[in-house]
PDB file of all heavy atoms in Angstrom:
ATOM      1  N   GLY A   1     -10.733   0.636 -11.519  1.00  0.00           N
ATOM      2  CA  GLY A   1     -10.925   2.031 -11.839  1.00  0.00           C
ATOM      3  C   GLY A   1      -9.997   2.974 -11.095  1.00  0.00           C
ATOM      4  O   GLY A   1      -9.796   4.096 -11.513  1.00  0.00           O
ATOM      5  N   THR A   2      -9.456   2.534  -9.969  1.00  0.00           N
ATOM      6  CA  THR A   2      -8.521   3.377  -9.233  1.00  0.00           C
ATOM      7  C   THR A   2      -7.112   2.815  -9.244  1.00  0.00           C
ATOM      8  O   THR A   2      -6.159   3.559  -9.069  1.00  0.00           O
ATOM      9  CB  THR A   2      -8.958   3.574  -7.768  1.00  0.00           C
ATOM     10  OG1 THR A   2      -9.189   2.323  -7.168  1.00  0.00           O
ATOM     11  CG2 THR A   2     -10.186   4.430  -7.671  1.00  0.00           C
ATOM     12  N   VAL A   3      -6.978   1.527  -9.427  1.00  0.00           N
ATOM     13  CA  VAL A   3      -5.664   0.899  -9.441  1.00  0.00           C
ATOM     14  C   VAL A   3      -5.330   0.438 -10.859  1.00  0.00           C
ATOM     15  O   VAL A   3      -6.083  -0.317 -11.456  1.00  0.00           O
ATOM     16  CB  VAL A   3      -5.601  -0.306  -8.472  1.00  0.00           C
ATOM     17  CG1 VAL A   3      -4.275  -1.021  -8.576  1.00  0.00           C
ATOM     18  CG2 VAL A   3      -5.849   0.155  -7.042  1.00  0.00           C
ATOM     19  N   ASP A   4      -4.220   0.936 -11.362  1.00  0.00           N
ATOM     20  CA  ASP A   4      -3.705   0.496 -12.660  1.00  0.00           C
ATOM     21  C   ASP A   4      -2.552  -0.465 -12.407  1.00  0.00           C
ATOM     22  O   ASP A   4      -1.794  -0.294 -11.449  1.00  0.00           O
ATOM     23  CB  ASP A   4      -3.209   1.678 -13.487  1.00  0.00           C
ATOM     24  CG  ASP A   4      -4.338   2.605 -13.893  1.00  0.00           C
ATOM     25  OD1 ASP A   4      -5.477   2.131 -14.053  1.00  0.00           O
ATOM     26  OD2 ASP A   4      -4.082   3.811 -14.050  1.00  0.00           O
ATOM     27  N   LEU A   5      -2.429  -1.442 -13.256  1.00  0.00           N
ATOM     28  CA  LEU A   5      -1.367  -2.440 -13.124  1.00  0.00           C
ATOM     29  C   LEU A   5      -0.573  -2.506 -14.412  1.00  0.00           C
ATOM     30  O   LEU A   5      -1.140  -2.687 -15.488  1.00  0.00           O
ATOM     31  CB  LEU A   5      -1.966  -3.817 -12.812  1.00  0.00           C
ATOM     32  CG  LEU A   5      -1.010  -4.995 -12.785  1.00  0.00           C
ATOM     33  CD1 LEU A   5       0.079  -4.818 -11.733  1.00  0.00           C
ATOM     34  CD2 LEU A   5      -1.778  -6.290 -12.556  1.00  0.00           C
ATOM     35  N   VAL A   6       0.733  -2.351 -14.287  1.00  0.00           N
ATOM     36  CA  VAL A   6       1.647  -2.521 -15.413  1.00  0.00           C
ATOM     37  C   VAL A   6       2.394  -3.818 -15.178  1.00  0.00           C
ATOM     38  O   VAL A   6       3.068  -3.974 -14.146  1.00  0.00           O
ATOM     39  CB  VAL A   6       2.654  -1.351 -15.516  1.00  0.00           C
ATOM     40  CG1 VAL A   6       3.633  -1.598 -16.642  1.00  0.00           C
ATOM     41  CG2 VAL A   6       1.926  -0.036 -15.720  1.00  0.00           C
ATOM     42  N   VAL A   7       2.261  -4.757 -16.089  1.00  0.00           N
ATOM     43  CA  VAL A   7       2.967  -6.029 -15.994  1.00  0.00           C
ATOM     44  C   VAL A   7       4.129  -5.979 -16.985  1.00  0.00           C
ATOM     45  O   VAL A   7       3.923  -5.780 -18.179  1.00  0.00           O
ATOM     46  CB  VAL A   7       2.027  -7.216 -16.300  1.00  0.00           C
ATOM     47  CG1 VAL A   7       2.793  -8.524 -16.234  1.00  0.00           C
ATOM     48  CG2 VAL A   7       0.857  -7.222 -15.319  1.00  0.00           C
ATOM     49  N   VAL A   8       5.332  -6.150 -16.462  1.00  0.00           N
ATOM     50  CA  VAL A   8       6.541  -6.053 -17.272  1.00  0.00           C
ATOM     51  C   VAL A   8       6.891  -7.447 -17.798  1.00  0.00           C
ATOM     52  O   VAL A   8       7.217  -8.342 -17.013  1.00  0.00           O
ATOM     53  CB  VAL A   8       7.706  -5.476 -16.455  1.00  0.00           C
ATOM     54  CG1 VAL A   8       8.960  -5.375 -17.299  1.00  0.00           C
ATOM     55  CG2 VAL A   8       7.326  -4.112 -15.879  1.00  0.00           C
ATOM     56  N   PRO A   9       6.810  -7.649 -19.110  1.00  0.00           N
ATOM     57  CA  PRO A   9       7.098  -8.963 -19.692  1.00  0.00           C
ATOM     58  C   PRO A   9       8.527  -9.416 -19.395  1.00  0.00           C
ATOM     59  O   PRO A   9       9.467  -8.620 -19.430  1.00  0.00           O
ATOM     60  CB  PRO A   9       6.933  -8.742 -21.199  1.00  0.00           C
ATOM     61  CG  PRO A   9       6.153  -7.484 -21.337  1.00  0.00           C
ATOM     62  CD  PRO A   9       6.463  -6.663 -20.134  1.00  0.00           C
ATOM     63  N   GLY A  10       8.660 -10.692 -19.061  1.00  0.00           N
ATOM     64  CA  GLY A  10       9.971 -11.290 -18.861  1.00  0.00           C
ATOM     65  C   GLY A  10      10.682 -10.915 -17.582  1.00  0.00           C
ATOM     66  O   GLY A  10      11.805 -11.347 -17.351  1.00  0.00           O
ATOM     67  N   ALA A  11      10.056 -10.116 -16.726  1.00  0.00           N
ATOM     68  CA  ALA A  11      10.710  -9.668 -15.489  1.00  0.00           C
ATOM     69  C   ALA A  11      10.176 -10.432 -14.292  1.00  0.00           C
ATOM     70  O   ALA A  11       8.999 -10.773 -14.232  1.00  0.00           O
ATOM     71  CB  ALA A  11      10.483  -8.180 -15.286  1.00  0.00           C
ATOM     72  N   ASP A  12      11.062 -10.665 -13.328  1.00  0.00           N
ATOM     73  CA  ASP A  12      10.605 -11.178 -12.049  1.00  0.00           C
ATOM     74  C   ASP A  12      10.703 -10.040 -11.031  1.00  0.00           C
ATOM     75  O   ASP A  12      11.037  -8.905 -11.382  1.00  0.00           O
ATOM     76  CB  ASP A  12      11.377 -12.425 -11.613  1.00  0.00           C
ATOM     77  CG  ASP A  12      12.857 -12.174 -11.359  1.00  0.00           C
ATOM     78  OD1 ASP A  12      13.255 -11.022 -11.099  1.00  0.00           O
ATOM     79  OD2 ASP A  12      13.627 -13.147 -11.418  1.00  0.00           O
ATOM     80  N   HIS A  13      10.426 -10.333  -9.786  1.00  0.00           N
ATOM     81  CA  HIS A  13      10.380  -9.289  -8.759  1.00  0.00           C
ATOM     82  C   HIS A  13      11.723  -8.568  -8.629  1.00  0.00           C
ATOM     83  O   HIS A  13      11.773  -7.338  -8.608  1.00  0.00           O
ATOM     84  CB  HIS A  13       9.979  -9.914  -7.423  1.00  0.00           C
ATOM     85  CG  HIS A  13       9.861  -8.929  -6.310  1.00  0.00           C
ATOM     86  ND1 HIS A  13       8.712  -8.211  -6.090  1.00  0.00           N
ATOM     87  CD2 HIS A  13      10.742  -8.529  -5.374  1.00  0.00           C
ATOM     88  CE1 HIS A  13       8.892  -7.414  -5.055  1.00  0.00           C
ATOM     89  NE2 HIS A  13      10.116  -7.590  -4.601  1.00  0.00           N
ATOM     90  N   VAL A  14      12.792  -9.304  -8.548  1.00  0.00           N
ATOM     91  CA  VAL A  14      14.120  -8.725  -8.336  1.00  0.00           C
ATOM     92  C   VAL A  14      14.581  -7.921  -9.551  1.00  0.00           C
ATOM     93  O   VAL A  14      15.263  -6.905  -9.403  1.00  0.00           O
ATOM     94  CB  VAL A  14      15.142  -9.822  -7.964  1.00  0.00           C
ATOM     95  CG1 VAL A  14      16.545  -9.255  -7.831  1.00  0.00           C
ATOM     96  CG2 VAL A  14      14.718 -10.501  -6.666  1.00  0.00           C
ATOM     97  N   ASP A  15      14.196  -8.335 -10.740  1.00  0.00           N
ATOM     98  CA  ASP A  15      14.583  -7.595 -11.948  1.00  0.00           C
ATOM     99  C   ASP A  15      14.166  -6.131 -11.878  1.00  0.00           C
ATOM    100  O   ASP A  15      14.868  -5.250 -12.369  1.00  0.00           O
ATOM    101  CB  ASP A  15      13.963  -8.223 -13.199  1.00  0.00           C
ATOM    102  CG  ASP A  15      14.605  -9.530 -13.588  1.00  0.00           C
ATOM    103  OD1 ASP A  15      15.781  -9.739 -13.261  1.00  0.00           O
ATOM    104  OD2 ASP A  15      13.900 -10.348 -14.214  1.00  0.00           O
ATOM    105  N   LEU A  16      13.044  -5.858 -11.261  1.00  0.00           N
ATOM    106  CA  LEU A  16      12.554  -4.484 -11.211  1.00  0.00           C
ATOM    107  C   LEU A  16      13.319  -3.627 -10.218  1.00  0.00           C
ATOM    108  O   LEU A  16      13.172  -2.413 -10.192  1.00  0.00           O
ATOM    109  CB  LEU A  16      11.053  -4.470 -10.925  1.00  0.00           C
ATOM    110  CG  LEU A  16      10.222  -5.138 -12.020  1.00  0.00           C
ATOM    111  CD1 LEU A  16       8.761  -5.212 -11.629  1.00  0.00           C
ATOM    112  CD2 LEU A  16      10.392  -4.417 -13.349  1.00  0.00           C
ATOM    113  N   TYR A  17      14.169  -4.238  -9.416  1.00  0.00           N
ATOM    114  CA  TYR A  17      15.104  -3.509  -8.562  1.00  0.00           C
ATOM    115  C   TYR A  17      16.460  -3.359  -9.243  1.00  0.00           C
ATOM    116  O   TYR A  17      17.119  -2.337  -9.098  1.00  0.00           O
ATOM    117  CB  TYR A  17      15.316  -4.233  -7.226  1.00  0.00           C
ATOM    118  CG  TYR A  17      14.131  -4.193  -6.312  1.00  0.00           C
ATOM    119  CD1 TYR A  17      13.269  -5.276  -6.210  1.00  0.00           C
ATOM    120  CD2 TYR A  17      13.866  -3.070  -5.540  1.00  0.00           C
ATOM    121  CE1 TYR A  17      12.183  -5.247  -5.365  1.00  0.00           C
ATOM    122  CE2 TYR A  17      12.783  -3.026  -4.687  1.00  0.00           C
ATOM    123  CZ  TYR A  17      11.944  -4.118  -4.601  1.00  0.00           C
ATOM    124  OH  TYR A  17      10.865  -4.077  -3.767  1.00  0.00           O
ATOM    125  N   ASP A  18      16.871  -4.384  -9.933  1.00  0.00           N
ATOM    126  CA  ASP A  18      18.238  -4.454 -10.445  1.00  0.00           C
ATOM    127  C   ASP A  18      18.421  -4.089 -11.913  1.00  0.00           C
ATOM    128  O   ASP A  18      19.525  -3.807 -12.337  1.00  0.00           O
ATOM    129  CB  ASP A  18      18.794  -5.867 -10.244  1.00  0.00           C
ATOM    130  CG  ASP A  18      18.926  -6.231  -8.772  1.00  0.00           C
ATOM    131  OD1 ASP A  18      18.976  -5.318  -7.935  1.00  0.00           O
ATOM    132  OD2 ASP A  18      18.981  -7.440  -8.466  1.00  0.00           O
ATOM    133  N   ARG A  19      17.370  -4.120 -12.691  1.00  0.00           N
ATOM    134  CA  ARG A  19      17.503  -3.888 -14.138  1.00  0.00           C
ATOM    135  C   ARG A  19      16.703  -2.666 -14.566  1.00  0.00           C
ATOM    136  O   ARG A  19      15.516  -2.752 -14.874  1.00  0.00           O
ATOM    137  CB  ARG A  19      17.039  -5.126 -14.904  1.00  0.00           C
ATOM    138  CG  ARG A  19      17.927  -6.326 -14.602  1.00  0.00           C
ATOM    139  CD  ARG A  19      17.882  -7.399 -15.621  1.00  0.00           C
ATOM    140  NE  ARG A  19      17.854  -6.920 -16.973  1.00  0.00           N
ATOM    141  CZ  ARG A  19      17.290  -7.614 -17.968  1.00  0.00           C
ATOM    142  NH1 ARG A  19      16.728  -8.775 -17.729  1.00  0.00           N
ATOM    143  NH2 ARG A  19      17.308  -7.139 -19.192  1.00  0.00           N
ATOM    144  N   LYS A  20      17.377  -1.533 -14.563  1.00  0.00           N
ATOM    145  CA  LYS A  20      16.712  -0.285 -14.932  1.00  0.00           C
ATOM    146  C   LYS A  20      16.117  -0.332 -16.334  1.00  0.00           C
ATOM    147  O   LYS A  20      15.134   0.343 -16.615  1.00  0.00           O
ATOM    148  CB  LYS A  20      17.693   0.879 -14.857  1.00  0.00           C
ATOM    149  CG  LYS A  20      18.054   1.285 -13.470  1.00  0.00           C
ATOM    150  CD  LYS A  20      18.962   2.505 -13.531  1.00  0.00           C
ATOM    151  CE  LYS A  20      19.414   2.920 -12.172  1.00  0.00           C
ATOM    152  NZ  LYS A  20      20.312   4.080 -12.234  1.00  0.00           N
ATOM    153  N   ASP A  21      16.709  -1.127 -17.210  1.00  0.00           N
ATOM    154  CA  ASP A  21      16.208  -1.211 -18.583  1.00  0.00           C
ATOM    155  C   ASP A  21      14.806  -1.823 -18.656  1.00  0.00           C
ATOM    156  O   ASP A  21      14.114  -1.661 -19.661  1.00  0.00           O
ATOM    157  CB  ASP A  21      17.174  -1.998 -19.467  1.00  0.00           C
ATOM    158  CG  ASP A  21      17.387  -3.430 -18.984  1.00  0.00           C
ATOM    159  OD1 ASP A  21      17.711  -3.622 -17.784  1.00  0.00           O
ATOM    160  OD2 ASP A  21      17.247  -4.349 -19.801  1.00  0.00           O
ATOM    161  N   LEU A  22      14.370  -2.497 -17.608  1.00  0.00           N
ATOM    162  CA  LEU A  22      13.042  -3.105 -17.594  1.00  0.00           C
ATOM    163  C   LEU A  22      11.984  -2.238 -16.918  1.00  0.00           C
ATOM    164  O   LEU A  22      10.789  -2.474 -17.090  1.00  0.00           O
ATOM    165  CB  LEU A  22      13.091  -4.460 -16.893  1.00  0.00           C
ATOM    166  CG  LEU A  22      13.893  -5.558 -17.584  1.00  0.00           C
ATOM    167  CD1 LEU A  22      13.895  -6.820 -16.734  1.00  0.00           C
ATOM    168  CD2 LEU A  22      13.336  -5.848 -18.962  1.00  0.00           C
ATOM    169  N   VAL A  23      12.416  -1.255 -16.157  1.00  0.00           N
ATOM    170  CA  VAL A  23      11.472  -0.410 -15.423  1.00  0.00           C
ATOM    171  C   VAL A  23      10.735   0.502 -16.411  1.00  0.00           C
ATOM    172  O   VAL A  23      11.363   1.214 -17.184  1.00  0.00           O
ATOM    173  CB  VAL A  23      12.195   0.418 -14.349  1.00  0.00           C
ATOM    174  CG1 VAL A  23      11.221   1.349 -13.642  1.00  0.00           C
ATOM    175  CG2 VAL A  23      12.898  -0.494 -13.350  1.00  0.00           C
ATOM    176  N   PRO A  24       9.405   0.504 -16.383  1.00  0.00           N
ATOM    177  CA  PRO A  24       8.628   1.313 -17.330  1.00  0.00           C
ATOM    178  C   PRO A  24       8.548   2.785 -16.888  1.00  0.00           C
ATOM    179  O   PRO A  24       7.502   3.282 -16.485  1.00  0.00           O
ATOM    180  CB  PRO A  24       7.259   0.640 -17.312  1.00  0.00           C
ATOM    181  CG  PRO A  24       7.149   0.098 -15.930  1.00  0.00           C
ATOM    182  CD  PRO A  24       8.542  -0.335 -15.553  1.00  0.00           C
TER     183      PRO A  24
END
């Protein structure tokens, strides 16, 4: 109820630093 989680399909941890196209 207080924490929302967005799971990005096909991404690993590093992708969310390096691939702006995957960041929601």
